[in-house]
Structures are given as structure tokens and as C-alpha cells.
Amino acid sequence: MADLSRCLPLERSSVEAAHKLIKPYIHETPVLTCQTLNDLASAPQLPSALTGTPFEGQSPATPKINFFFKCENYQHIGAFKIRGATYALERLSKDELRNGVVTHSSGNHAQALALAARTRHVRAYIVMPTISTPSKIAATQGYGADVIFSGSTSEEREAVVEDVIKRTGATLVPPYDHPDIILGQGTMALELEAQVRELVRRDPALSVRYRGIANANGSPGAGEEENTITEDARNGDGPQHPASPTTKGTPSACIPPSQRAGHYPHLHAVLAPLGGGGMLSGIATALGPTPTLVFGAEPSFQGADDGRRGLLQRARIASVKTLTIADGLRTPLSPLTWSVVSDTRRVEGVYAVSEAQITAAMRLVFERMKVVVEPSAVVGLAVALWDEGFRRLVEERGGEAGWDVGVVLSGGNVGMEALGGLFGGGGRGPEREVGKMGRDGERVAENVAG
């Protein structure tokens, strides 16, 4: 990888420079909104949903949340990782690229590096653990990469990578543990800011600031009433809809002239998935100088929430062994990404959600937005819908107006077999059951980078 001494500092200006460099090679993915999901997030959970949590016996929070979804599932290779991979290759010298590049990844970084290398006419060697999903393996091979399989443990993967380097002289491009990767991933936050500003300029009603100003002026929208989400919807076991949909309507005169002119201040918060931490670190770097708060979201299954637990313990957790359906998030933070994520000036907090909540969030995005995403992509939405701690934070800090929340839908690389298994069979999809063995036959998935 590029010598660290040549890397730009982890600052917003460096993200801006990275964006200029990679713009010809990436999509500016769309930002979508969904009033149904706004209504769901803005309705209190039933008291029974808090049973067994630290909030049991308390009144459920009633935050006001408007979502802005950054759809990286529409990015090249179907995920955000093309940003970091492209920038990393752009920063390498001709000598460093001469013998090709190598990485280890369960799928999305594998595809990203394969495509970025093909664009540069560089050979790519991709070490993929045997737990990788067939669709991601096929896509990586389709981009022309040489795929080499390994066991699932970090020792097995790293041994194969070292063998490739010795045999070919290829340059390592890690999935997340490098400043160039972080800066490349952070470019999505710059786009999100600008896109939300333009959306609100054209339609101020998309922002909670519009609703908050209306309420302050005593002009509630037509048909306003408190919503309660049914228990089945909250648990993902029934129809995903509010029991009492709300229609908001407010006179345009309630909008300050500066906002009508397009001077949207900023998102209140951004929620992004957290695995190895490259994306979250990049977003936090890009938004560091702004008032926007940055939060991470993780799966909790089998200890996949190493970021959240590490923050509680005030120490990085170096190993993760999990078979969460969010297969892009099966890896721990590196020392570099931990230094960003654990910095409270950059990342406000990290929350975790269950497998059932992830599946329910996927269903909501598919049924209500008509958007196909992979499990890893929806952990941020699941936090906003079901984590009572986060919801109380929004209620306390956002008050009557609430928050505008950016949610990163990080990718859409999921096969039909997996979708059928998740929603047709009520369990883990067939695709995600394939090859869940280490080299010696043990069911294990340790520190698997997405």
C-alpha cells in the first residue's frame, strides 16, 4: 500500500481532494426519502417492546425523525467500497502497481478492488474466505480478478496473502486499515451533504426544521396525531406500517427566507454501518468540522458489536468471531480506525441491533422504498427504528422539531437465494449457509473483512 508518509492527513480537506480525484470513476449515488419510514421512526414503540431492556417500565420515546437515505447500493459493484479502492489505486505509483495488487475480503472490497484494478489495467489477486457468498465470489471473478480461497480465520487469510505477495510481488490494498481507504470512503458524506441541501431547497417539507417551525408557530399539519407502531411491525413479524399514518402540512410562510433560498444548515446526524471502520472513519473525517453528529451501527449477534463494546470498555477489541447475516460487518476495528471511532469529537456513539431487527429493516426498505439492499446496509435504519437509547437521544436533543438523519445504505449485494431464505423460510438464507467452514472444517468466521 502507499507509504503512510505520503498519505494526506485525516481531515475534511483531504476527503475533498480524494473526491475530486475519484469522481470520474464513481457514481454520485442518489439520496432518497420515505415518508412511511419517517412516520414509523417518529412513532413510539409499544411499552412491551422495552421489556428486558434498561428502559423497561418507562414511557417509550417519541422522537421526530426525517430520513435521507444515501443509496450506495446503486454504486459501481453495488457497494460503497469502490470509493476507497479507487482512491487507493490512484495514490499508488506505477512501480507499486507493476506486479498487481492483492487483498483479502469476503466480498464487497474484493469486487471493488477487482473493478478498480481492471479500470487501471492492473492485475488483482483476491483472497476470499470460504464463508464468502457465491454471488460475491462470482462478481469478483467477473471483474477479472484471480480469486484464491482461504480459511476464515485471520491467520489463514493473512498467510495466503503473504504467499501471494512473495510469489507475485503484488502490492497489498487492505479493506479498511489505511488512510487512503478511509479518505476515499468519506467522499460519500460530501455528496450526502450537498444532495440533502438541494433536496430541501426544492422541497423544504422534507426537513424536520419545516415541521418544527410550524409547530412553534402553532400551525400543526392536517390530520396530526400520535402514531403507535404495532408490535408485529416493530418485531418484523407482521405488516410494516404505522397504526395511524400521519399527513403533515404546513404553510410555506413558516420557512425562514434563508432556508427558502437554499441555505439548509446541516443534517443533525448520520448513521452508518460499522465493521472494520473504514467507512465510518471516513464519514467522521468528512463531517468533523460540521455540526452533524456521526453514529455507528453494528449487528449484535455473536459479539459482532465490537465497536460498541470496545467503547464501553475503553479498549479496542481485536478479534470477532460471528456469523451474523450482516456478512459485511464480521470484522473488528483496526488500530487506525479505532483511533477515529473512539474519538468522541468525531463519532458520537455506536449502537447495535439484532438479527431480527436487521431482517425487519431489510423488509421495510424493500416493501416501502422498493430498494434492494444487503443485511449490512440496514443496521443504521434498524438503530433509528428500534434502539431505544438512540431514540431517546433524538427526543432529548431534537425536542419538538426532531432531527434530520442521514442513513447510509451501504450496499445491495445479496442474491435471490439469500432473500428467499431470509423472507421465505424465516431463517438465514441458503446462500449464507454455503461454505461456513474454516480450512480445517471448523464452523468459524473470525475478523472477516467485507
Protein backbone atom coordinates (compact mmCIF):
# COMPACT_ATOMS: atom_id res chain seq x y z
CA MET A 1 0.00 0.00 0.00
CA ALA A 2 1.08 3.64 -0.36
CA ASP A 3 3.70 4.68 2.16
CA LEU A 4 1.99 6.26 5.16
CA SER A 5 4.40 9.19 4.93
CA ARG A 6 2.83 10.06 1.56
CA CYS A 7 -0.76 9.93 2.80
CA LEU A 8 -2.81 13.04 3.32
CA PRO A 9 -3.95 13.73 6.90
CA LEU A 10 -7.37 12.55 8.05
CA GLU A 11 -9.04 15.91 7.55
CA ARG A 12 -12.05 17.15 5.59
CA SER A 13 -9.83 18.88 3.05
CA SER A 14 -8.18 15.53 2.29
CA VAL A 15 -11.59 13.94 1.69
CA GLU A 16 -12.41 16.81 -0.67
CA ALA A 17 -9.16 16.18 -2.56
CA ALA A 18 -9.95 12.47 -2.76
CA HIS A 19 -13.40 13.22 -4.14
CA LYS A 20 -12.01 15.34 -6.96
CA LEU A 21 -9.64 12.53 -7.89
CA ILE A 22 -12.17 9.69 -7.99
CA LYS A 23 -15.28 11.49 -9.33
CA PRO A 24 -14.69 10.30 -12.91
CA TYR A 25 -14.75 6.67 -11.73
CA ILE A 26 -17.70 6.57 -9.32
CA HIS A 27 -21.42 7.24 -9.33
CA GLU A 28 -22.90 10.08 -7.34
CA THR A 29 -25.45 7.76 -5.80
CA PRO A 30 -28.96 9.09 -5.14
CA VAL A 31 -30.38 10.27 -1.84
CA LEU A 32 -33.93 9.02 -1.29
CA THR A 33 -36.60 9.87 1.26
CA CYS A 34 -39.59 7.87 2.51
CA GLN A 35 -42.45 9.39 4.48
CA THR A 36 -43.66 5.97 5.63
CA LEU A 37 -40.33 5.28 7.32
CA ASN A 38 -40.31 8.79 8.79
CA ASP A 39 -43.69 8.02 10.35
CA LEU A 40 -42.51 4.67 11.66
CA ALA A 41 -39.41 6.17 13.24
CA SER A 42 -41.40 9.05 14.73
CA ALA A 43 -43.93 6.80 16.45
CA PRO A 44 -43.29 5.40 19.94
CA GLN A 45 -42.66 1.73 20.45
CA LEU A 46 -45.20 -0.21 22.45
CA PRO A 47 -44.21 -0.50 26.15
CA SER A 48 -43.95 -4.28 25.72
CA ALA A 49 -41.12 -3.75 23.22
CA LEU A 50 -38.97 -2.39 26.06
CA THR A 51 -39.37 -5.49 28.23
CA GLY A 52 -35.98 -6.88 29.15
CA THR A 53 -34.18 -3.66 28.23
CA PRO A 54 -32.77 -0.94 30.51
CA PHE A 55 -35.88 1.09 29.62
CA GLU A 56 -38.44 -1.44 30.86
CA GLY A 57 -41.30 0.24 32.70
CA GLN A 58 -40.56 3.65 31.21
CA SER A 59 -42.61 5.52 28.65
CA PRO A 60 -41.29 4.86 25.12
CA ALA A 61 -39.52 7.72 23.39
CA THR A 62 -41.36 9.76 20.76
CA PRO A 63 -38.57 11.20 18.61
CA LYS A 64 -39.31 13.08 15.40
CA ILE A 65 -37.10 11.77 12.61
CA ASN A 66 -36.92 12.51 8.89
CA PHE A 67 -34.63 10.22 6.93
CA PHE A 68 -32.34 10.90 3.99
CA PHE A 69 -31.02 7.63 2.57
CA LYS A 70 -27.67 7.66 0.77
CA CYS A 71 -28.09 4.71 -1.60
CA GLU A 72 -24.63 3.24 -2.10
CA ASN A 73 -26.31 0.04 -3.27
CA TYR A 74 -26.52 1.88 -6.62
CA GLN A 75 -22.75 2.42 -6.66
CA HIS A 76 -20.39 0.56 -9.02
CA ILE A 77 -20.10 -3.07 -7.79
CA GLY A 78 -23.22 -2.48 -5.71
CA ALA A 79 -21.49 -1.02 -2.67
CA PHE A 80 -19.55 1.97 -1.35
CA LYS A 81 -16.18 0.22 -1.35
CA ILE A 82 -15.33 1.23 -4.89
CA ARG A 83 -14.64 4.70 -3.47
CA GLY A 84 -11.80 3.63 -1.20
CA ALA A 85 -10.38 1.07 -3.62
CA THR A 86 -10.31 3.58 -6.48
CA TYR A 87 -8.63 6.27 -4.41
CA ALA A 88 -6.10 3.78 -3.03
CA LEU A 89 -5.06 2.74 -6.54
CA GLU A 90 -4.91 6.33 -7.74
CA ARG A 91 -2.41 7.03 -4.96
CA LEU A 92 -0.10 4.14 -5.87
CA SER A 93 2.89 4.68 -8.14
CA LYS A 94 3.49 2.83 -11.39
CA ASP A 95 6.18 0.77 -9.69
CA GLU A 96 3.76 -0.21 -6.93
CA LEU A 97 1.15 -1.25 -9.50
CA ARG A 98 3.51 -3.08 -11.86
CA ASN A 99 3.06 -6.51 -10.23
CA GLY A 100 -0.59 -6.10 -9.44
CA VAL A 101 -2.50 -5.66 -6.19
CA VAL A 102 -3.75 -8.10 -3.59
CA THR A 103 -6.28 -8.02 -0.78
CA HIS A 104 -8.44 -10.27 1.41
CA SER A 105 -12.18 -9.72 1.59
CA SER A 106 -15.47 -11.59 1.92
CA GLY A 107 -16.98 -9.73 -0.97
CA ASN A 108 -17.53 -6.01 -1.42
CA HIS A 109 -13.92 -4.82 -1.12
CA ALA A 110 -12.97 -7.82 -3.25
CA GLN A 111 -15.27 -6.66 -6.03
CA ALA A 112 -14.25 -3.04 -5.61
CA LEU A 113 -10.54 -3.72 -5.92
CA ALA A 114 -11.12 -6.08 -8.84
CA LEU A 115 -13.03 -3.40 -10.77
CA ALA A 116 -10.64 -0.59 -9.83
CA ALA A 117 -7.70 -2.72 -10.93
CA ARG A 118 -9.38 -3.63 -14.22
CA THR A 119 -10.03 0.07 -14.88
CA ARG A 120 -6.30 0.73 -14.39
CA HIS A 121 -5.28 -2.37 -16.39
CA VAL A 122 -3.69 -3.83 -13.27
CA ARG A 123 -3.83 -7.47 -12.19
CA ALA A 124 -5.78 -8.18 -8.99
CA TYR A 125 -5.35 -11.13 -6.63
CA ILE A 126 -8.23 -11.52 -4.19
CA VAL A 127 -8.06 -13.85 -1.19
CA MET A 128 -11.63 -14.78 -0.24
CA PRO A 129 -12.57 -16.84 2.82
CA THR A 130 -14.74 -19.89 2.28
CA ILE A 131 -17.68 -18.19 4.03
CA SER A 132 -17.96 -15.67 1.18
CA THR A 133 -21.35 -15.71 -0.55
CA PRO A 134 -21.43 -17.28 -4.03
CA SER A 135 -22.83 -14.15 -5.67
CA LYS A 136 -19.92 -12.05 -4.39
CA ILE A 137 -17.38 -14.66 -5.46
CA ALA A 138 -18.89 -14.78 -8.94
CA ALA A 139 -18.94 -11.00 -9.23
CA THR A 140 -15.29 -10.71 -8.16
CA GLN A 141 -14.26 -13.26 -10.75
CA GLY A 142 -16.43 -11.48 -13.30
CA TYR A 143 -14.34 -8.34 -12.89
CA GLY A 144 -11.29 -10.35 -13.95
CA ALA A 145 -9.62 -10.94 -10.58
CA ASP A 146 -7.66 -14.05 -9.65
CA VAL A 147 -9.62 -15.41 -6.67
CA ILE A 148 -7.70 -17.54 -4.16
CA PHE A 149 -9.68 -19.21 -1.40
CA SER A 150 -8.62 -19.44 2.22
CA GLY A 151 -9.96 -20.44 5.59
CA SER A 152 -11.97 -17.96 7.62
CA THR A 153 -9.53 -17.13 10.40
CA SER A 154 -7.28 -14.11 10.20
CA GLU A 155 -4.17 -16.29 10.38
CA GLU A 156 -5.29 -18.37 7.41
CA ARG A 157 -6.17 -15.36 5.27
CA GLU A 158 -3.02 -13.44 6.08
CA ALA A 159 -0.87 -16.49 5.33
CA VAL A 160 -2.41 -16.79 1.86
CA VAL A 161 -1.96 -13.05 1.22
CA GLU A 162 1.71 -13.26 2.23
CA ASP A 163 2.16 -16.21 -0.10
CA VAL A 164 0.65 -14.22 -3.00
CA ILE A 165 2.93 -11.25 -2.27
CA LYS A 166 6.03 -13.46 -2.17
CA ARG A 167 5.01 -15.26 -5.35
CA THR A 168 3.93 -12.24 -7.43
CA GLY A 169 5.31 -9.09 -5.82
CA ALA A 170 1.77 -7.65 -5.67
CA THR A 171 1.04 -4.60 -3.51
CA LEU A 172 -1.39 -5.07 -0.62
CA VAL A 173 -4.52 -2.88 -0.62
CA PRO A 174 -6.24 -3.54 2.74
CA PRO A 175 -10.03 -3.45 3.05
CA TYR A 176 -10.15 -0.58 5.53
CA ASP A 177 -6.95 -0.21 7.55
CA HIS A 178 -5.27 2.61 5.63
CA PRO A 179 -5.73 6.40 5.40
CA ASP A 180 -6.30 6.29 1.64
CA ILE A 181 -9.17 3.82 2.06
CA ILE A 182 -10.70 5.97 4.81
CA LEU A 183 -10.46 9.18 2.77
CA GLY A 184 -11.99 7.50 -0.27
CA GLN A 185 -14.94 6.16 1.70
CA GLY A 186 -15.54 9.55 3.29
CA THR A 187 -16.39 11.08 -0.08
CA MET A 188 -19.97 9.81 0.22
CA ALA A 189 -20.53 12.20 3.13
CA LEU A 190 -19.62 15.20 0.97
CA GLU A 191 -22.17 14.11 -1.61
CA LEU A 192 -24.81 13.44 1.04
CA GLU A 193 -24.44 16.95 2.45
CA ALA A 194 -24.79 18.63 -0.92
CA GLN A 195 -27.64 16.40 -2.07
CA VAL A 196 -29.70 16.92 1.09
CA ARG A 197 -29.18 20.67 0.82
CA GLU A 198 -30.51 20.62 -2.74
CA LEU A 199 -33.46 18.37 -1.86
CA VAL A 200 -34.53 20.65 0.97
CA ARG A 201 -34.05 23.72 -1.18
CA ARG A 202 -36.53 22.30 -3.66
CA ASP A 203 -38.91 20.88 -1.04
CA PRO A 204 -38.44 22.29 2.47
CA ALA A 205 -41.12 19.91 3.81
CA LEU A 206 -38.54 17.11 3.65
CA SER A 207 -36.77 18.59 6.69
CA VAL A 208 -37.91 18.45 10.30
CA ARG A 209 -36.92 22.11 10.51
CA TYR A 210 -40.02 22.82 8.41
CA ARG A 211 -42.22 20.85 10.78
CA GLY A 212 -40.54 22.29 13.86
CA ILE A 213 -41.08 25.85 12.72
CA ALA A 214 -44.72 25.07 12.00
CA ASN A 215 -45.27 23.64 15.47
CA ALA A 216 -43.57 26.60 17.10
CA ASN A 217 -45.99 28.89 15.24
CA GLY A 218 -48.97 26.87 16.40
CA SER A 219 -49.79 25.61 12.92
CA PRO A 220 -49.99 21.83 13.12
CA GLY A 221 -50.41 19.89 9.91
CA ALA A 222 -53.72 18.47 8.86
CA GLY A 223 -54.57 15.19 10.50
CA GLU A 224 -51.72 15.26 13.00
CA GLU A 225 -51.99 12.67 15.73
CA GLU A 226 -49.69 10.45 17.73
CA ASN A 227 -48.72 7.25 15.94
CA THR A 228 -48.08 3.91 17.57
CA ILE A 229 -46.28 1.19 15.68
CA THR A 230 -47.87 -2.22 16.04
CA GLU A 231 -45.88 -4.78 17.98
CA ASP A 232 -45.77 -7.09 14.96
CA ALA A 233 -44.29 -4.34 12.81
CA ARG A 234 -41.73 -3.49 15.46
CA ASN A 235 -40.67 -7.13 15.69
CA GLY A 236 -40.72 -7.70 11.96
CA ASP A 237 -43.44 -10.36 12.31
CA GLY A 238 -46.33 -8.60 10.58
CA PRO A 239 -47.26 -5.70 8.31
CA GLN A 240 -44.62 -2.95 8.45
CA HIS A 241 -46.80 0.13 8.72
CA PRO A 242 -47.86 2.64 11.37
CA ALA A 243 -51.18 2.03 13.01
CA SER A 244 -52.18 5.66 12.32
CA PRO A 245 -50.39 7.28 9.35
CA THR A 246 -49.82 11.00 9.66
CA THR A 247 -50.07 13.65 6.98
CA LYS A 248 -48.07 16.78 7.61
CA GLY A 249 -48.94 20.09 6.01
CA THR A 250 -47.52 23.50 6.85
CA PRO A 251 -47.77 26.93 5.22
CA SER A 252 -44.65 27.81 3.27
CA ALA A 253 -44.61 31.16 5.04
CA CYS A 254 -43.32 29.31 8.12
CA ILE A 255 -40.00 28.69 6.37
CA PRO A 256 -37.34 31.36 7.03
CA PRO A 257 -36.32 33.24 3.89
CA SER A 258 -32.75 31.99 4.26
CA GLN A 259 -33.93 28.38 4.13
CA ARG A 260 -36.27 29.05 1.20
CA ALA A 261 -33.24 30.43 -0.59
CA GLY A 262 -31.47 27.10 -0.16
CA HIS A 263 -29.35 27.77 2.93
CA TYR A 264 -30.13 24.44 4.58
CA PRO A 265 -27.87 24.37 7.66
CA HIS A 266 -26.90 20.70 8.04
CA LEU A 267 -28.09 17.20 8.83
CA HIS A 268 -28.45 16.67 12.55
CA ALA A 269 -26.94 13.19 12.38
CA VAL A 270 -25.65 10.47 10.07
CA LEU A 271 -25.97 6.74 10.86
CA ALA A 272 -23.57 4.40 9.07
CA PRO A 273 -22.74 0.69 9.35
CA LEU A 274 -19.63 -0.21 11.32
CA GLY A 275 -17.47 -3.23 10.51
CA GLY A 276 -13.76 -2.61 10.09
CA GLY A 277 -14.44 1.10 10.40
CA GLY A 278 -13.16 2.47 7.10
CA MET A 279 -16.49 3.98 6.05
CA LEU A 280 -17.46 5.32 9.47
CA SER A 281 -13.98 6.81 9.92
CA GLY A 282 -14.21 8.45 6.51
CA ILE A 283 -17.64 9.92 7.19
CA ALA A 284 -16.49 11.16 10.60
CA THR A 285 -13.43 12.74 8.98
CA ALA A 286 -15.52 14.46 6.31
CA LEU A 287 -18.13 15.76 8.75
CA GLY A 288 -15.74 16.52 11.60
CA PRO A 289 -15.76 20.31 11.15
CA THR A 290 -19.57 20.41 10.80
CA PRO A 291 -22.28 20.29 13.49
CA THR A 292 -23.56 16.96 12.13
CA LEU A 293 -23.24 14.13 14.65
CA VAL A 294 -21.92 10.79 13.38
CA PHE A 295 -23.09 7.44 14.76
CA GLY A 296 -22.09 3.87 14.02
CA ALA A 297 -24.40 0.86 13.81
CA GLU A 298 -23.46 -2.80 14.24
CA PRO A 299 -25.09 -6.23 14.49
CA SER A 300 -25.04 -7.67 18.00
CA PHE A 301 -25.13 -11.37 17.01
CA GLN A 302 -22.28 -13.44 18.49
CA GLY A 303 -20.36 -10.37 19.60
CA ALA A 304 -20.28 -8.61 16.23
CA ASP A 305 -20.73 -5.31 18.10
CA ASP A 306 -17.05 -5.00 18.93
CA GLY A 307 -17.12 -1.25 18.35
CA ARG A 308 -19.91 -0.64 20.85
CA ARG A 309 -18.37 -2.99 23.40
CA GLY A 310 -14.94 -1.52 22.89
CA LEU A 311 -16.22 1.98 23.60
CA LEU A 312 -17.82 0.74 26.82
CA GLN A 313 -14.55 -0.93 27.84
CA ARG A 314 -12.44 1.96 26.53
CA ALA A 315 -10.24 -0.51 24.69
CA ARG A 316 -10.25 -1.90 21.16
CA ILE A 317 -11.49 -5.47 20.78
CA ALA A 318 -9.03 -7.18 18.47
CA SER A 319 -10.97 -10.27 17.42
CA VAL A 320 -14.52 -11.02 16.32
CA LYS A 321 -15.99 -14.46 15.61
CA THR A 322 -19.52 -14.11 14.28
CA LEU A 323 -21.79 -15.49 11.60
CA THR A 324 -24.18 -12.54 11.61
CA ILE A 325 -26.32 -12.23 8.49
CA ALA A 326 -24.68 -8.81 8.08
CA ASP A 327 -21.70 -10.53 6.49
CA GLY A 328 -20.01 -7.28 5.53
CA LEU A 329 -19.65 -6.39 9.22
CA ARG A 330 -17.92 -9.52 10.54
CA THR A 331 -14.63 -7.80 11.28
CA PRO A 332 -13.18 -5.78 14.17
CA LEU A 333 -11.87 -2.25 14.08
CA SER A 334 -8.20 -1.82 13.31
CA PRO A 335 -5.91 0.34 15.46
CA LEU A 336 -6.21 3.12 12.86
CA THR A 337 -9.99 3.09 12.55
CA TRP A 338 -10.34 2.64 16.31
CA SER A 339 -8.40 5.88 16.79
CA VAL A 340 -11.12 7.69 14.82
CA VAL A 341 -14.21 5.84 16.05
CA SER A 342 -13.16 6.15 19.72
CA ASP A 343 -12.59 9.91 19.34
CA THR A 344 -15.76 11.48 20.74
CA ARG A 345 -15.04 14.65 18.79
CA ARG A 346 -15.61 12.65 15.61
CA VAL A 347 -18.03 9.82 16.46
CA GLU A 348 -20.83 10.47 18.92
CA GLY A 349 -21.64 6.84 19.65
CA VAL A 350 -22.20 3.31 18.38
CA TYR A 351 -25.36 1.19 18.70
CA ALA A 352 -26.15 -2.45 17.96
CA VAL A 353 -29.21 -4.30 16.64
CA SER A 354 -30.40 -7.91 16.50
CA GLU A 355 -30.66 -10.25 13.52
CA ALA A 356 -34.45 -9.99 13.62
CA GLN A 357 -34.27 -6.19 13.54
CA ILE A 358 -31.86 -6.29 10.59
CA THR A 359 -34.19 -8.59 8.68
CA ALA A 360 -37.21 -6.44 9.50
CA ALA A 361 -35.37 -3.32 8.32
CA MET A 362 -34.48 -5.05 5.04
CA ARG A 363 -38.13 -5.91 4.54
CA LEU A 364 -39.17 -2.31 5.20
CA VAL A 365 -36.68 -0.93 2.69
CA PHE A 366 -37.78 -3.45 0.08
CA GLU A 367 -41.53 -3.12 0.63
CA ARG A 368 -41.76 0.61 1.35
CA MET A 369 -38.93 2.04 -0.75
CA LYS A 370 -38.74 -0.70 -3.41
CA VAL A 371 -34.96 -0.79 -2.89
CA VAL A 372 -32.89 -3.99 -2.67
CA VAL A 373 -30.17 -3.90 -0.01
CA GLU A 374 -27.99 -6.44 1.76
CA PRO A 375 -28.30 -7.05 5.53
CA SER A 376 -25.21 -4.97 6.39
CA ALA A 377 -26.74 -1.93 4.72
CA VAL A 378 -29.74 -1.53 7.02
CA VAL A 379 -28.19 -1.62 10.50
CA GLY A 380 -28.37 2.19 10.70
CA LEU A 381 -32.06 2.23 9.88
CA ALA A 382 -32.66 -0.55 12.41
CA VAL A 383 -30.99 1.54 15.11
CA ALA A 384 -33.23 4.52 14.38
CA LEU A 385 -36.34 2.35 14.45
CA TRP A 386 -35.64 0.09 17.39
CA ASP A 387 -32.75 1.18 19.61
CA GLU A 388 -34.45 2.97 22.47
CA GLY A 389 -31.20 4.59 23.58
CA PHE A 390 -30.72 6.30 20.23
CA ARG A 391 -34.38 7.22 20.01
CA ARG A 392 -34.29 8.86 23.43
CA LEU A 393 -31.21 10.80 22.40
CA VAL A 394 -33.08 12.19 19.39
CA GLU A 395 -36.08 13.03 21.54
CA GLU A 396 -33.98 14.80 24.18
CA ARG A 397 -31.73 16.75 21.83
CA GLY A 398 -34.14 17.25 18.96
CA GLY A 399 -37.10 18.35 21.05
CA GLU A 400 -40.42 19.01 19.32
CA ALA A 401 -38.77 19.65 15.96
CA GLY A 402 -36.68 16.48 15.86
CA TRP A 403 -33.74 15.51 13.69
CA ASP A 404 -32.93 15.14 10.02
CA VAL A 405 -30.96 11.89 9.90
CA GLY A 406 -28.80 10.69 7.04
CA VAL A 407 -28.72 6.89 6.76
CA VAL A 408 -26.11 5.15 4.64
CA LEU A 409 -27.47 2.14 2.76
CA SER A 410 -24.00 0.78 2.18
CA GLY A 411 -24.64 -1.94 -0.41
CA GLY A 412 -27.03 -4.21 -2.24
CA ASN A 413 -25.01 -7.32 -2.97
CA VAL A 414 -27.44 -10.01 -1.94
CA GLY A 415 -28.55 -12.94 -4.06
CA MET A 416 -32.08 -14.13 -4.71
CA GLU A 417 -31.37 -17.34 -2.78
CA ALA A 418 -30.44 -15.36 0.31
CA LEU A 419 -33.51 -13.14 0.02
CA GLY A 420 -35.70 -16.18 -0.36
CA GLY A 421 -34.18 -17.78 2.71
CA LEU A 422 -34.45 -14.65 4.81
CA PHE A 423 -38.05 -13.86 3.96
CA GLY A 424 -39.45 -17.11 2.64
CA GLY A 425 -38.02 -19.61 5.08
CA GLY A 426 -37.89 -17.43 8.14
CA GLY A 427 -34.22 -18.00 8.71
CA ARG A 428 -30.74 -17.48 7.36
CA GLY A 429 -30.66 -17.68 3.58
CA PRO A 430 -29.22 -20.71 1.79
CA GLU A 431 -26.55 -18.57 0.21
CA ARG A 432 -25.27 -17.57 3.62
CA GLU A 433 -25.11 -21.20 4.73
CA VAL A 434 -22.70 -22.13 1.94
CA GLY A 435 -19.09 -22.77 2.89
CA LYS A 436 -19.32 -21.75 6.52
CA MET A 437 -16.23 -23.76 7.36
CA GLY A 438 -12.64 -22.92 8.08
CA ARG A 439 -9.87 -24.71 6.26
CA ASP A 440 -9.88 -27.48 8.87
CA GLY A 441 -13.66 -27.91 8.80
CA GLU A 442 -14.49 -25.81 11.85
CA ARG A 443 -17.58 -23.57 11.76
CA VAL A 444 -15.84 -20.26 12.34
CA ALA A 445 -15.75 -16.75 10.96
CA GLU A 446 -13.02 -14.63 12.52
CA ASN A 447 -12.30 -10.99 11.61
CA VAL A 448 -13.77 -11.34 8.12
CA ALA A 449 -13.44 -8.12 6.17
CA GLY A 450 -16.32 -7.21 3.87
